[in-house]
Amino acid sequence: MGALCPAIYRPRRPKSSPLYRLVEECYDEVKGTWEERFEATYGRWRGFVDDVVFAFADCGDLNRGFARV
């Protein structure tokens, strides 16, 4: 058997994904108009949504840390 070869790290580019661009372009507008446009149907804006969106935005940013498994 040959020697084990370590995997080469290939960084993702999350900021170039369509979902990332959509969130970046629309998040502030959706949050700003939530009460008048969506609250009656979907309920009040919940604070944890901000945490999830900010965590998503930080995902893939090597300056925020990473884990190698």
PDB file of N, CA and C in Angstrom:
ATOM      1  N   MET A   1       0.843  -1.191   0.000  1.00  0.00           N
ATOM      2  CA  MET A   1       0.000   0.000   0.000  1.00  0.00           C
ATOM      3  C   MET A   1       0.883   1.246   0.000  1.00  0.00           C
ATOM      4  N   GLY A   2       0.442   2.238  -0.721  1.00  0.00           N
ATOM      5  CA  GLY A   2       1.177   3.495  -0.785  1.00  0.00           C
ATOM      6  C   GLY A   2       0.959   4.336   0.463  1.00  0.00           C
ATOM      7  N   ALA A   3       1.785   5.349   0.583  1.00  0.00           N
ATOM      8  CA  ALA A   3       1.647   6.267   1.722  1.00  0.00           C
ATOM      9  C   ALA A   3       0.361   7.077   1.580  1.00  0.00           C
ATOM     10  N   LEU A   4      -0.176   7.423   2.720  1.00  0.00           N
ATOM     11  CA  LEU A   4      -1.375   8.256   2.705  1.00  0.00           C
ATOM     12  C   LEU A   4      -1.024   9.659   2.249  1.00  0.00           C
ATOM     13  N   CYS A   5      -1.810  10.192   1.385  1.00  0.00           N
ATOM     14  CA  CYS A   5      -1.590  11.538   0.867  1.00  0.00           C
ATOM     15  C   CYS A   5      -2.608  12.470   1.519  1.00  0.00           C
ATOM     16  N   PRO A   6      -2.138  13.534   2.171  1.00  0.00           N
ATOM     17  CA  PRO A   6      -3.102  14.437   2.798  1.00  0.00           C
ATOM     18  C   PRO A   6      -3.971  15.127   1.745  1.00  0.00           C
ATOM     19  N   ALA A   7      -5.186  15.348   2.112  1.00  0.00           N
ATOM     20  CA  ALA A   7      -6.112  16.011   1.193  1.00  0.00           C
ATOM     21  C   ALA A   7      -5.693  17.464   0.990  1.00  0.00           C
ATOM     22  N   ILE A   8      -5.903  17.947  -0.180  1.00  0.00           N
ATOM     23  CA  ILE A   8      -5.593  19.335  -0.484  1.00  0.00           C
ATOM     24  C   ILE A   8      -6.824  20.173  -0.164  1.00  0.00           C
ATOM     25  N   TYR A   9      -6.595  21.233   0.566  1.00  0.00           N
ATOM     26  CA  TYR A   9      -7.709  22.112   0.921  1.00  0.00           C
ATOM     27  C   TYR A   9      -8.090  22.968  -0.284  1.00  0.00           C
ATOM     28  N   ARG A  10      -9.338  22.891  -0.646  1.00  0.00           N
ATOM     29  CA  ARG A  10      -9.866  23.731  -1.720  1.00  0.00           C
ATOM     30  C   ARG A  10     -10.986  24.575  -1.123  1.00  0.00           C
ATOM     31  N   PRO A  11     -10.712  25.839  -0.903  1.00  0.00           N
ATOM     32  CA  PRO A  11     -11.732  26.670  -0.256  1.00  0.00           C
ATOM     33  C   PRO A  11     -12.982  26.817  -1.121  1.00  0.00           C
ATOM     34  N   ARG A  12     -14.099  26.815  -0.449  1.00  0.00           N
ATOM     35  CA  ARG A  12     -15.353  27.100  -1.139  1.00  0.00           C
ATOM     36  C   ARG A  12     -15.403  28.597  -1.412  1.00  0.00           C
ATOM     37  N   ARG A  13     -16.267  28.998  -2.237  1.00  0.00           N
ATOM     38  CA  ARG A  13     -16.462  30.420  -2.511  1.00  0.00           C
ATOM     39  C   ARG A  13     -17.929  30.754  -2.252  1.00  0.00           C
ATOM     40  N   PRO A  14     -18.335  30.750  -0.974  1.00  0.00           N
ATOM     41  CA  PRO A  14     -19.753  30.919  -0.659  1.00  0.00           C
ATOM     42  C   PRO A  14     -20.308  32.265  -1.103  1.00  0.00           C
ATOM     43  N   LYS A  15     -19.466  33.276  -1.140  1.00  0.00           N
ATOM     44  CA  LYS A  15     -19.971  34.599  -1.506  1.00  0.00           C
ATOM     45  C   LYS A  15     -20.328  34.696  -2.982  1.00  0.00           C
ATOM     46  N   SER A  16     -19.928  33.721  -3.773  1.00  0.00           N
ATOM     47  CA  SER A  16     -20.283  33.740  -5.185  1.00  0.00           C
ATOM     48  C   SER A  16     -21.521  32.895  -5.476  1.00  0.00           C
ATOM     49  N   SER A  17     -22.105  32.291  -4.452  1.00  0.00           N
ATOM     50  CA  SER A  17     -23.285  31.457  -4.670  1.00  0.00           C
ATOM     51  C   SER A  17     -24.532  32.328  -4.854  1.00  0.00           C
ATOM     52  N   PRO A  18     -25.499  31.851  -5.612  1.00  0.00           N
ATOM     53  CA  PRO A  18     -26.741  32.602  -5.793  1.00  0.00           C
ATOM     54  C   PRO A  18     -27.478  32.862  -4.475  1.00  0.00           C
ATOM     55  N   LEU A  19     -27.465  31.877  -3.563  1.00  0.00           N
ATOM     56  CA  LEU A  19     -28.151  32.071  -2.284  1.00  0.00           C
ATOM     57  C   LEU A  19     -27.497  33.174  -1.475  1.00  0.00           C
ATOM     58  N   TYR A  20     -26.176  33.197  -1.420  1.00  0.00           N
ATOM     59  CA  TYR A  20     -25.475  34.240  -0.671  1.00  0.00           C
ATOM     60  C   TYR A  20     -25.800  35.614  -1.249  1.00  0.00           C
ATOM     61  N   ARG A  21     -25.761  35.727  -2.570  1.00  0.00           N
ATOM     62  CA  ARG A  21     -26.057  37.019  -3.205  1.00  0.00           C
ATOM     63  C   ARG A  21     -27.487  37.452  -2.940  1.00  0.00           C
ATOM     64  N   LEU A  22     -28.426  36.510  -2.959  1.00  0.00           N
ATOM     65  CA  LEU A  22     -29.819  36.828  -2.670  1.00  0.00           C
ATOM     66  C   LEU A  22     -29.974  37.363  -1.256  1.00  0.00           C
ATOM     67  N   VAL A  23     -29.371  36.680  -0.292  1.00  0.00           N
ATOM     68  CA  VAL A  23     -29.446  37.128   1.098  1.00  0.00           C
ATOM     69  C   VAL A  23     -28.790  38.500   1.251  1.00  0.00           C
ATOM     70  N   GLU A  24     -27.632  38.674   0.647  1.00  0.00           N
ATOM     71  CA  GLU A  24     -26.923  39.941   0.756  1.00  0.00           C
ATOM     72  C   GLU A  24     -27.734  41.096   0.154  1.00  0.00           C
ATOM     73  N   GLU A  25     -28.397  40.844  -0.954  1.00  0.00           N
ATOM     74  CA  GLU A  25     -29.136  41.896  -1.636  1.00  0.00           C
ATOM     75  C   GLU A  25     -30.502  42.184  -1.015  1.00  0.00           C
ATOM     76  N   CYS A  26     -31.154  41.192  -0.430  1.00  0.00           N
ATOM     77  CA  CYS A  26     -32.550  41.348  -0.026  1.00  0.00           C
ATOM     78  C   CYS A  26     -32.808  41.336   1.477  1.00  0.00           C
ATOM     79  N   TYR A  27     -31.850  40.894   2.280  1.00  0.00           N
ATOM     80  CA  TYR A  27     -32.095  40.714   3.709  1.00  0.00           C
ATOM     81  C   TYR A  27     -32.567  41.993   4.388  1.00  0.00           C
ATOM     82  N   ASP A  28     -31.863  43.096   4.190  1.00  0.00           N
ATOM     83  CA  ASP A  28     -32.239  44.343   4.866  1.00  0.00           C
ATOM     84  C   ASP A  28     -33.628  44.809   4.447  1.00  0.00           C
ATOM     85  N   GLU A  29     -33.951  44.658   3.182  1.00  0.00           N
ATOM     86  CA  GLU A  29     -35.274  45.068   2.704  1.00  0.00           C
ATOM     87  C   GLU A  29     -36.374  44.197   3.314  1.00  0.00           C
ATOM     88  N   VAL A  30     -36.167  42.889   3.336  1.00  0.00           N
ATOM     89  CA  VAL A  30     -37.165  41.986   3.917  1.00  0.00           C
ATOM     90  C   VAL A  30     -37.354  42.297   5.399  1.00  0.00           C
ATOM     91  N   LYS A  31     -36.259  42.447   6.114  1.00  0.00           N
ATOM     92  CA  LYS A  31     -36.374  42.750   7.544  1.00  0.00           C
ATOM     93  C   LYS A  31     -37.058  44.092   7.771  1.00  0.00           C
ATOM     94  N   GLY A  32     -36.721  45.086   6.957  1.00  0.00           N
ATOM     95  CA  GLY A  32     -37.291  46.411   7.122  1.00  0.00           C
ATOM     96  C   GLY A  32     -38.775  46.498   6.811  1.00  0.00           C
ATOM     97  N   THR A  33     -39.262  45.623   5.942  1.00  0.00           N
ATOM     98  CA  THR A  33     -40.680  45.657   5.569  1.00  0.00           C
ATOM     99  C   THR A  33     -41.476  44.500   6.162  1.00  0.00           C
ATOM    100  N   TRP A  34     -40.838  43.708   7.001  1.00  0.00           N
ATOM    101  CA  TRP A  34     -41.492  42.510   7.539  1.00  0.00           C
ATOM    102  C   TRP A  34     -42.811  42.843   8.223  1.00  0.00           C
ATOM    103  N   GLU A  35     -42.797  43.819   9.101  1.00  0.00           N
ATOM    104  CA  GLU A  35     -43.992  44.115   9.899  1.00  0.00           C
ATOM    105  C   GLU A  35     -45.187  44.443   9.011  1.00  0.00           C
ATOM    106  N   GLU A  36     -45.004  45.323   8.042  1.00  0.00           N
ATOM    107  CA  GLU A  36     -46.147  45.734   7.219  1.00  0.00           C
ATOM    108  C   GLU A  36     -46.535  44.710   6.159  1.00  0.00           C
ATOM    109  N   ARG A  37     -45.566  43.956   5.645  1.00  0.00           N
ATOM    110  CA  ARG A  37     -45.870  43.052   4.532  1.00  0.00           C
ATOM    111  C   ARG A  37     -46.133  41.602   4.938  1.00  0.00           C
ATOM    112  N   PHE A  38     -45.461  41.110   5.960  1.00  0.00           N
ATOM    113  CA  PHE A  38     -45.495  39.674   6.237  1.00  0.00           C
ATOM    114  C   PHE A  38     -45.999  39.279   7.624  1.00  0.00           C
ATOM    115  N   GLU A  39     -46.005  40.210   8.571  1.00  0.00           N
ATOM    116  CA  GLU A  39     -46.315  39.841   9.954  1.00  0.00           C
ATOM    117  C   GLU A  39     -47.711  39.245  10.116  1.00  0.00           C
ATOM    118  N   ALA A  40     -48.690  39.771   9.429  1.00  0.00           N
ATOM    119  CA  ALA A  40     -50.058  39.256   9.562  1.00  0.00           C
ATOM    120  C   ALA A  40     -50.147  37.788   9.144  1.00  0.00           C
ATOM    121  N   THR A  41     -49.358  37.395   8.162  1.00  0.00           N
ATOM    122  CA  THR A  41     -49.401  36.025   7.658  1.00  0.00           C
ATOM    123  C   THR A  41     -48.446  35.100   8.403  1.00  0.00           C
ATOM    124  N   TYR A  42     -47.206  35.580   8.664  1.00  0.00           N
ATOM    125  CA  TYR A  42     -46.159  34.705   9.193  1.00  0.00           C
ATOM    126  C   TYR A  42     -45.765  34.981  10.636  1.00  0.00           C
ATOM    127  N   GLY A  43     -46.337  35.999  11.254  1.00  0.00           N
ATOM    128  CA  GLY A  43     -46.004  36.316  12.642  1.00  0.00           C
ATOM    129  C   GLY A  43     -44.853  37.308  12.729  1.00  0.00           C
ATOM    130  N   ARG A  44     -44.541  37.689  13.943  1.00  0.00           N
ATOM    131  CA  ARG A  44     -43.527  38.717  14.186  1.00  0.00           C
ATOM    132  C   ARG A  44     -42.130  38.237  13.782  1.00  0.00           C
ATOM    133  N   TRP A  45     -41.240  39.197  13.554  1.00  0.00           N
ATOM    134  CA  TRP A  45     -39.837  38.902  13.238  1.00  0.00           C
ATOM    135  C   TRP A  45     -39.180  38.356  14.491  1.00  0.00           C
ATOM    136  N   ARG A  46     -38.577  37.217  14.400  1.00  0.00           N
ATOM    137  CA  ARG A  46     -37.936  36.592  15.554  1.00  0.00           C
ATOM    138  C   ARG A  46     -36.435  36.899  15.530  1.00  0.00           C
ATOM    139  N   GLY A  47     -35.899  37.244  16.684  1.00  0.00           N
ATOM    140  CA  GLY A  47     -34.507  37.651  16.786  1.00  0.00           C
ATOM    141  C   GLY A  47     -33.502  36.619  16.332  1.00  0.00           C
ATOM    142  N   PHE A  48     -33.843  35.343  16.467  1.00  0.00           N
ATOM    143  CA  PHE A  48     -32.887  34.310  16.073  1.00  0.00           C
ATOM    144  C   PHE A  48     -32.637  34.313  14.572  1.00  0.00           C
ATOM    145  N   VAL A  49     -33.548  34.896  13.798  1.00  0.00           N
ATOM    146  CA  VAL A  49     -33.359  34.963  12.348  1.00  0.00           C
ATOM    147  C   VAL A  49     -32.096  35.756  12.032  1.00  0.00           C
ATOM    148  N   ASP A  50     -31.890  36.868  12.748  1.00  0.00           N
ATOM    149  CA  ASP A  50     -30.678  37.656  12.545  1.00  0.00           C
ATOM    150  C   ASP A  50     -29.431  36.817  12.812  1.00  0.00           C
ATOM    151  N   ASP A  51     -29.443  36.050  13.899  1.00  0.00           N
ATOM    152  CA  ASP A  51     -28.288  35.211  14.243  1.00  0.00           C
ATOM    153  C   ASP A  51     -27.992  34.200  13.138  1.00  0.00           C
ATOM    154  N   VAL A  52     -29.042  33.576  12.602  1.00  0.00           N
ATOM    155  CA  VAL A  52     -28.868  32.566  11.561  1.00  0.00           C
ATOM    156  C   VAL A  52     -28.324  33.207  10.286  1.00  0.00           C
ATOM    157  N   VAL A  53     -28.865  34.362   9.907  1.00  0.00           N
ATOM    158  CA  VAL A  53     -28.411  35.032   8.688  1.00  0.00           C
ATOM    159  C   VAL A  53     -26.963  35.486   8.833  1.00  0.00           C
ATOM    160  N   PHE A  54     -26.600  36.029   9.994  1.00  0.00           N
ATOM    161  CA  PHE A  54     -25.221  36.473  10.196  1.00  0.00           C
ATOM    162  C   PHE A  54     -24.261  35.290  10.212  1.00  0.00           C
ATOM    163  N   ALA A  55     -24.674  34.165  10.797  1.00  0.00           N
ATOM    164  CA  ALA A  55     -23.832  32.962  10.793  1.00  0.00           C
ATOM    165  C   ALA A  55     -23.659  32.453   9.361  1.00  0.00           C
ATOM    166  N   PHE A  56     -24.724  32.475   8.586  1.00  0.00           N
ATOM    167  CA  PHE A  56     -24.641  32.077   7.184  1.00  0.00           C
ATOM    168  C   PHE A  56     -23.670  32.976   6.431  1.00  0.00           C
ATOM    169  N   ALA A  57     -23.752  34.285   6.668  1.00  0.00           N
ATOM    170  CA  ALA A  57     -22.874  35.237   5.984  1.00  0.00           C
ATOM    171  C   ALA A  57     -21.404  35.007   6.348  1.00  0.00           C
ATOM    172  N   ASP A  58     -21.133  34.558   7.575  1.00  0.00           N
ATOM    173  CA  ASP A  58     -19.766  34.309   8.012  1.00  0.00           C
ATOM    174  C   ASP A  58     -19.226  32.957   7.550  1.00  0.00           C
ATOM    175  N   CYS A  59     -20.101  32.057   7.148  1.00  0.00           N
ATOM    176  CA  CYS A  59     -19.694  30.712   6.758  1.00  0.00           C
ATOM    177  C   CYS A  59     -18.786  30.778   5.539  1.00  0.00           C
ATOM    178  N   GLY A  60     -17.668  30.122   5.615  1.00  0.00           N
ATOM    179  CA  GLY A  60     -16.722  30.098   4.516  1.00  0.00           C
ATOM    180  C   GLY A  60     -15.692  31.208   4.560  1.00  0.00           C
ATOM    181  N   ASP A  61     -15.808  32.113   5.532  1.00  0.00           N
ATOM    182  CA  ASP A  61     -14.841  33.202   5.684  1.00  0.00           C
ATOM    183  C   ASP A  61     -13.712  32.709   6.577  1.00  0.00           C
ATOM    184  N   LEU A  62     -12.538  32.480   5.994  1.00  0.00           N
ATOM    185  CA  LEU A  62     -11.426  31.921   6.767  1.00  0.00           C
ATOM    186  C   LEU A  62     -10.975  32.844   7.888  1.00  0.00           C
ATOM    187  N   ASN A  63     -11.257  34.129   7.779  1.00  0.00           N
ATOM    188  CA  ASN A  63     -10.913  35.053   8.865  1.00  0.00           C
ATOM    189  C   ASN A  63     -11.745  34.810  10.115  1.00  0.00           C
ATOM    190  N   ARG A  64     -12.865  34.110   9.981  1.00  0.00           N
ATOM    191  CA  ARG A  64     -13.737  33.801  11.110  1.00  0.00           C
ATOM    192  C   ARG A  64     -13.424  32.435  11.702  1.00  0.00           C
ATOM    193  N   GLY A  65     -12.429  31.756  11.148  1.00  0.00           N
ATOM    194  CA  GLY A  65     -12.026  30.442  11.667  1.00  0.00           C
ATOM    195  C   GLY A  65     -12.534  29.310  10.784  1.00  0.00           C
ATOM    196  N   PHE A  66     -12.000  28.127  11.033  1.00  0.00           N
ATOM    197  CA  PHE A  66     -12.412  26.953  10.274  1.00  0.00           C
ATOM    198  C   PHE A  66     -12.063  25.711  11.062  1.00  0.00           C
ATOM    199  N   ALA A  67     -12.634  24.607  10.634  1.00  0.00           N
ATOM    200  CA  ALA A  67     -12.333  23.305  11.235  1.00  0.00           C
ATOM    201  C   ALA A  67     -11.949  22.349  10.116  1.00  0.00           C
ATOM    202  N   ARG A  68     -10.922  21.600  10.336  1.00  0.00           N
ATOM    203  CA  ARG A  68     -10.533  20.587   9.361  1.00  0.00           C
ATOM    204  C   ARG A  68     -10.733  19.241  10.003  1.00  0.00           C
ATOM    205  N   VAL A  69     -11.507  18.425   9.347  1.00  0.00           N
ATOM    206  CA  VAL A  69     -11.840  17.106   9.895  1.00  0.00           C
ATOM    207  C   VAL A  69     -11.163  16.051   9.065  1.00  0.00           C
TER     208      VAL A  69
END
